[in-house]
N, C-alpha and C. Protein backbone atom coordinates (compact mmCIF):
# COMPACT_ATOMS: atom_id res chain seq x y z
N UNK A 1 -5.25 -9.44 -12.43
CA UNK A 1 -5.39 -9.81 -10.76
C UNK A 1 -4.14 -10.06 -10.14
N UNK A 2 -4.26 -9.20 -8.78
CA UNK A 2 -3.01 -8.91 -7.80
C UNK A 2 -3.20 -8.52 -6.42
N UNK A 3 -2.61 -8.86 -5.76
CA UNK A 3 -3.13 -8.62 -3.85
C UNK A 3 -2.83 -6.59 -4.37
N UNK A 4 -3.72 -6.23 -3.49
CA UNK A 4 -3.59 -4.87 -3.79
C UNK A 4 -2.21 -4.19 -3.06
N UNK A 5 -1.82 -5.07 -2.06
CA UNK A 5 -0.43 -4.45 -1.57
C UNK A 5 0.65 -4.46 -2.40
N UNK A 6 0.58 -4.57 -3.43
CA UNK A 6 1.14 -4.76 -4.66
C UNK A 6 1.11 -3.55 -5.84
N UNK A 7 0.47 -3.19 -5.78
CA UNK A 7 -0.46 -1.94 -6.59
C UNK A 7 0.34 -1.03 -6.89
N UNK A 8 0.85 -0.26 -5.79
CA UNK A 8 1.57 0.76 -6.39
C UNK A 8 3.26 0.71 -6.89
N UNK A 9 3.70 -0.86 -6.57
CA UNK A 9 4.97 -1.14 -7.16
C UNK A 9 4.59 -1.32 -8.79
N UNK A 10 3.48 -2.25 -8.77
CA UNK A 10 3.13 -2.64 -10.39
C UNK A 10 2.62 -1.24 -11.13
N UNK A 11 2.28 -0.20 -10.59
CA UNK A 11 1.76 0.80 -11.59
C UNK A 11 3.35 1.55 -11.60
N UNK A 12 4.00 1.42 -11.08
CA UNK A 12 5.54 2.16 -10.97
C UNK A 12 6.28 1.61 -11.43
N UNK A 13 6.66 -0.10 -11.51
CA UNK A 13 7.74 -0.35 -12.31
C UNK A 13 6.76 -1.33 -13.60
N UNK A 14 5.77 -1.87 -13.62
CA UNK A 14 5.04 -2.65 -14.35
C UNK A 14 5.22 -4.23 -13.80
N UNK A 15 4.68 -4.78 -14.91
CA UNK A 15 4.65 -6.64 -14.09
C UNK A 15 5.82 -7.54 -14.73
N UNK A 16 6.49 -8.32 -14.02
CA UNK A 16 7.35 -9.24 -14.67
C UNK A 16 7.07 -10.47 -13.92
N UNK A 17 7.99 -11.32 -14.27
CA UNK A 17 7.59 -12.86 -13.99
C UNK A 17 8.47 -12.90 -12.53
N UNK A 18 7.45 -13.40 -11.75
CA UNK A 18 8.24 -13.73 -10.33
C UNK A 18 7.69 -15.07 -9.34
N UNK A 19 8.13 -15.92 -9.28
CA UNK A 19 7.68 -16.84 -8.19
C UNK A 19 7.04 -16.29 -6.99
N UNK A 20 5.87 -16.91 -6.30
CA UNK A 20 5.71 -16.30 -5.08
C UNK A 20 4.39 -16.67 -5.05
N UNK A 21 4.04 -17.34 -3.47
CA UNK A 21 2.38 -18.30 -3.14
C UNK A 21 1.47 -18.48 -4.51
N UNK A 22 1.93 -19.58 -5.43
CA UNK A 22 1.25 -19.94 -6.10
C UNK A 22 0.75 -21.20 -5.67
N UNK A 23 -0.52 -21.66 -6.61
CA UNK A 23 -1.29 -22.95 -6.24
C UNK A 23 -0.22 -23.98 -6.99
N UNK A 24 0.30 -23.87 -8.10
CA UNK A 24 1.38 -24.61 -8.88
C UNK A 24 2.67 -24.25 -9.01
N UNK A 25 3.73 -25.24 -9.00
CA UNK A 25 4.73 -24.88 -9.51
C UNK A 25 5.25 -25.06 -10.99
N UNK A 26 5.63 -24.07 -11.50
CA UNK A 26 6.11 -24.04 -12.64
C UNK A 26 6.82 -22.47 -13.37
N UNK A 27 7.62 -22.23 -14.01
CA UNK A 27 8.64 -21.25 -14.00
C UNK A 27 7.92 -19.81 -14.18
N UNK A 28 8.75 -18.97 -13.84
CA UNK A 28 7.81 -17.39 -13.80
C UNK A 28 7.36 -17.35 -15.26
N UNK A 29 5.86 -16.69 -14.51
CA UNK A 29 5.02 -16.30 -15.87
C UNK A 29 4.13 -15.21 -15.40
N UNK A 30 3.58 -14.57 -15.99
CA UNK A 30 2.40 -13.57 -15.91
C UNK A 30 0.86 -13.93 -16.41
N UNK A 31 -0.10 -13.72 -15.61
CA UNK A 31 -1.17 -14.66 -16.63
C UNK A 31 -2.10 -13.64 -16.35
N UNK A 32 -2.93 -14.05 -17.38
CA UNK A 32 -3.86 -13.20 -18.08
C UNK A 32 -5.41 -13.72 -18.41
N UNK A 33 -6.71 -13.24 -18.53
CA UNK A 33 -7.43 -13.34 -18.62
C UNK A 33 -8.12 -13.02 -20.21
N UNK A 34 -8.98 -13.91 -21.05
CA UNK A 34 -9.11 -13.56 -22.41
C UNK A 34 -10.39 -12.60 -22.14
N UNK A 35 -11.13 -12.88 -21.44
CA UNK A 35 -12.19 -12.08 -20.77
C UNK A 35 -12.23 -11.43 -19.68
N UNK A 36 -12.24 -10.22 -18.87
CA UNK A 36 -12.16 -9.51 -17.66
C UNK A 36 -12.81 -10.00 -16.99
N UNK A 37 -14.20 -10.53 -17.12
CA UNK A 37 -15.29 -11.29 -16.17
C UNK A 37 -14.88 -12.40 -15.75
N UNK A 38 -13.88 -13.11 -16.52
CA UNK A 38 -13.41 -14.05 -15.38
C UNK A 38 -12.46 -14.20 -14.48
N UNK A 39 -12.51 -12.81 -13.83
CA UNK A 39 -11.30 -12.57 -13.28
C UNK A 39 -12.49 -13.28 -11.99
N UNK A 40 -13.39 -13.37 -11.65
CA UNK A 40 -14.18 -13.55 -10.40
C UNK A 40 -13.99 -14.82 -9.98
N UNK A 41 -13.85 -15.65 -10.89
CA UNK A 41 -13.54 -17.31 -10.63
C UNK A 41 -12.00 -17.58 -9.96
N UNK A 42 -11.13 -16.81 -10.29
CA UNK A 42 -9.43 -16.46 -10.07
C UNK A 42 -9.38 -15.95 -8.49
N UNK A 43 -10.26 -15.00 -8.37
CA UNK A 43 -10.79 -14.43 -6.97
C UNK A 43 -11.15 -15.32 -5.93
N UNK A 44 -12.57 -15.61 -6.05
CA UNK A 44 -12.98 -16.56 -5.66
C UNK A 44 -11.78 -17.65 -4.97
N UNK A 45 -11.24 -18.04 -5.76
CA UNK A 45 -10.23 -19.35 -5.71
C UNK A 45 -9.13 -18.74 -4.44
N UNK A 46 -8.83 -17.35 -4.94
CA UNK A 46 -7.70 -16.55 -3.91
C UNK A 46 -7.69 -16.59 -2.76
N UNK A 47 -9.33 -15.94 -2.62
CA UNK A 47 -9.75 -15.57 -1.24
C UNK A 47 -9.82 -16.66 -0.49
N UNK A 48 -10.35 -18.18 -0.78
CA UNK A 48 -10.41 -19.31 -0.29
C UNK A 48 -9.15 -19.73 -0.10
N UNK A 49 -7.89 -19.54 -0.84
CA UNK A 49 -6.72 -19.98 -0.01
C UNK A 49 -6.53 -19.10 0.81
N UNK A 50 -6.56 -17.88 0.92
CA UNK A 50 -6.10 -16.85 1.94
C UNK A 50 -6.60 -17.32 3.28
N UNK A 51 -8.21 -17.45 3.19
CA UNK A 51 -8.73 -17.92 4.38
C UNK A 51 -8.48 -19.03 5.32
N UNK A 52 -8.08 -20.01 4.19
CA UNK A 52 -7.29 -21.36 4.73
C UNK A 52 -6.06 -21.07 5.32
N UNK A 53 -4.99 -19.99 4.84
CA UNK A 53 -3.98 -19.84 5.52
C UNK A 53 -4.16 -18.33 6.32
N UNK A 54 -5.06 -17.90 6.94
CA UNK A 54 -5.43 -17.19 7.85
C UNK A 54 -4.91 -15.67 7.47
N UNK A 55 -4.88 -15.31 5.98
CA UNK A 55 -4.49 -14.29 4.98
C UNK A 55 -5.80 -13.33 4.86
N UNK A 56 -5.77 -12.22 5.01
CA UNK A 56 -6.76 -11.44 4.66
C UNK A 56 -6.68 -10.40 3.95
N UNK A 57 -6.27 -10.42 3.08
CA UNK A 57 -6.13 -9.45 1.91
C UNK A 57 -7.14 -9.08 0.50
N UNK A 58 -6.91 -7.86 -0.03
CA UNK A 58 -7.69 -7.66 -1.20
C UNK A 58 -6.92 -7.62 -2.45
N UNK A 59 -8.12 -7.74 -3.40
CA UNK A 59 -7.01 -7.95 -4.79
C UNK A 59 -7.15 -6.62 -5.58
N UNK A 60 -6.42 -6.25 -6.76
CA UNK A 60 -6.75 -5.24 -7.77
C UNK A 60 -6.74 -5.98 -9.04
N UNK A 61 -7.65 -5.34 -9.56
CA UNK A 61 -7.52 -5.74 -11.01
C UNK A 61 -7.18 -4.75 -12.07
N UNK A 62 -6.45 -5.41 -13.28
CA UNK A 62 -5.61 -4.09 -13.77
C UNK A 62 -5.94 -4.79 -15.64
N UNK A 63 -5.96 -3.95 -16.44
CA UNK A 63 -6.25 -3.91 -17.62
C UNK A 63 -4.66 -4.11 -18.63
N UNK A 64 -4.50 -5.00 -19.16
CA UNK A 64 -2.91 -4.82 -19.43
C UNK A 64 -2.99 -4.44 -21.11
N UNK A 65 -2.17 -4.29 -22.01
CA UNK A 65 -2.13 -4.01 -23.10
C UNK A 65 -1.01 -4.36 -23.37
N UNK A 66 -0.96 -5.50 -24.40
CA UNK A 66 0.13 -6.14 -24.96
C UNK A 66 0.27 -6.05 -26.20
N UNK A 67 1.70 -5.93 -26.31
CA UNK A 67 2.35 -5.26 -27.79
C UNK A 67 2.88 -6.78 -28.46
N UNK A 68 3.51 -6.29 -29.84
CA UNK A 68 3.49 -7.46 -30.70
C UNK A 68 4.90 -8.35 -30.28
N UNK A 69 5.30 -7.46 -29.44
CA UNK A 69 6.58 -8.03 -28.53
C UNK A 69 6.64 -9.12 -27.78
N UNK A 70 5.38 -9.20 -26.95
CA UNK A 70 4.80 -9.90 -25.57
C UNK A 70 4.56 -11.59 -26.53
N UNK A 71 5.19 -12.34 -26.27
CA UNK A 71 4.71 -13.57 -26.66
C UNK A 71 4.17 -14.30 -25.80
N UNK A 72 2.82 -14.73 -26.13
CA UNK A 72 1.81 -15.42 -25.29
C UNK A 72 1.41 -17.00 -25.67
N UNK A 73 1.14 -17.49 -24.18
CA UNK A 73 1.24 -18.82 -24.62
C UNK A 73 -0.19 -19.54 -24.06
N UNK A 74 -0.69 -20.47 -24.54
CA UNK A 74 -1.95 -20.78 -23.73
C UNK A 74 -2.01 -21.35 -22.74
N UNK A 75 -3.02 -21.52 -21.52
CA UNK A 75 -2.66 -22.02 -20.27
C UNK A 75 -3.33 -23.47 -20.62
N UNK A 76 -2.82 -24.27 -20.41
CA UNK A 76 -3.25 -25.97 -20.37
C UNK A 76 -3.79 -26.11 -19.21
N UNK A 77 -3.84 -25.19 -18.40
CA UNK A 77 -4.54 -25.65 -16.83
C UNK A 77 -5.83 -24.69 -16.99
N UNK A 78 -6.00 -23.58 -17.67
CA UNK A 78 -7.03 -22.79 -17.37
C UNK A 78 -7.23 -22.43 -18.97
N UNK A 79 -8.35 -22.79 -19.51
CA UNK A 79 -8.76 -22.46 -21.02
C UNK A 79 -9.20 -21.18 -21.15
N UNK A 80 -9.56 -20.44 -19.90
CA UNK A 80 -9.74 -18.98 -20.15
C UNK A 80 -8.95 -18.13 -19.77
N UNK A 81 -7.79 -18.43 -20.11
CA UNK A 81 -6.17 -17.44 -19.89
C UNK A 81 -5.19 -18.20 -20.74
N UNK A 82 -4.35 -17.09 -20.79
CA UNK A 82 -3.03 -17.67 -21.24
C UNK A 82 -2.07 -16.67 -20.76
N UNK A 83 -0.55 -16.83 -21.08
CA UNK A 83 0.81 -16.36 -20.07
C UNK A 83 1.51 -15.52 -20.81
N UNK A 84 2.67 -15.17 -20.42
CA UNK A 84 3.80 -14.76 -20.69
C UNK A 84 4.66 -14.46 -20.11
N UNK A 85 5.97 -14.71 -20.45
CA UNK A 85 7.32 -14.70 -20.03
C UNK A 85 7.78 -13.29 -19.78
N UNK A 86 7.13 -12.59 -20.72
CA UNK A 86 7.96 -11.08 -20.77
C UNK A 86 7.21 -10.51 -19.63
N UNK A 87 8.26 -9.23 -19.59
CA UNK A 87 8.18 -7.85 -18.61
C UNK A 87 6.85 -7.05 -19.64
N UNK A 88 5.92 -6.43 -18.58
CA UNK A 88 5.01 -5.72 -19.19
C UNK A 88 5.25 -4.10 -18.27
N UNK A 89 5.25 -2.96 -19.43
CA UNK A 89 5.81 -1.83 -18.96
C UNK A 89 4.77 -1.14 -18.36
N UNK A 90 5.00 -0.24 -16.98
CA UNK A 90 3.82 0.43 -16.50
C UNK A 90 2.83 1.15 -17.47
N UNK A 91 3.50 1.56 -18.75
CA UNK A 91 2.79 2.58 -19.51
C UNK A 91 1.57 1.16 -19.98
N UNK A 92 1.52 0.26 -19.90
CA UNK A 92 0.69 -0.38 -20.47
C UNK A 92 -0.31 -0.91 -19.67
N UNK A 93 -0.32 -0.54 -18.33
CA UNK A 93 -0.94 -1.16 -17.40
C UNK A 93 -1.79 -0.10 -16.75
N UNK A 94 -3.67 -0.46 -16.65
CA UNK A 94 -4.40 0.11 -16.28
C UNK A 94 -4.94 -0.53 -14.92
N UNK A 95 -5.24 0.33 -14.10
CA UNK A 95 -5.95 -0.06 -12.90
C UNK A 95 -7.68 -0.13 -13.14
N UNK A 96 -8.14 -1.16 -12.88
CA UNK A 96 -9.56 -1.13 -13.60
C UNK A 96 -10.24 -0.86 -12.24
N UNK A 97 -10.07 -2.00 -11.23
CA UNK A 97 -10.77 -2.19 -9.83
C UNK A 97 -9.96 -2.25 -8.71
N UNK A 98 -10.33 -1.56 -7.91
CA UNK A 98 -9.30 -1.65 -6.79
C UNK A 98 -10.05 -2.08 -5.23
N UNK A 99 -9.22 -2.82 -4.29
CA UNK A 99 -10.15 -3.53 -3.26
C UNK A 99 -11.13 -4.82 -3.36
N UNK A 100 -10.89 -5.39 -4.03
CA UNK A 100 -11.69 -6.69 -4.21
C UNK A 100 -11.64 -7.73 -3.36
């Protein structure tokens, strides 16, 4: 799940850990859900946060194929997700839904 205005950059360059506009401070990482349907909880939270900050933007949902080279870590703050510090190739990213 990422802001739609980042869609073309993600599909062209892939995903790479970067810090910006997060709810908590921590090292750069890329977050994932175990179940695609769990994105709705995060989307609701992001939209609420955007509204509080007078931002009105849409989000895009991606499916990512992880490889054996990707090291994943459990997220202690979100039991339905995990994260990696590794880059994700654009060849391993599929746009699932747009303008959420």
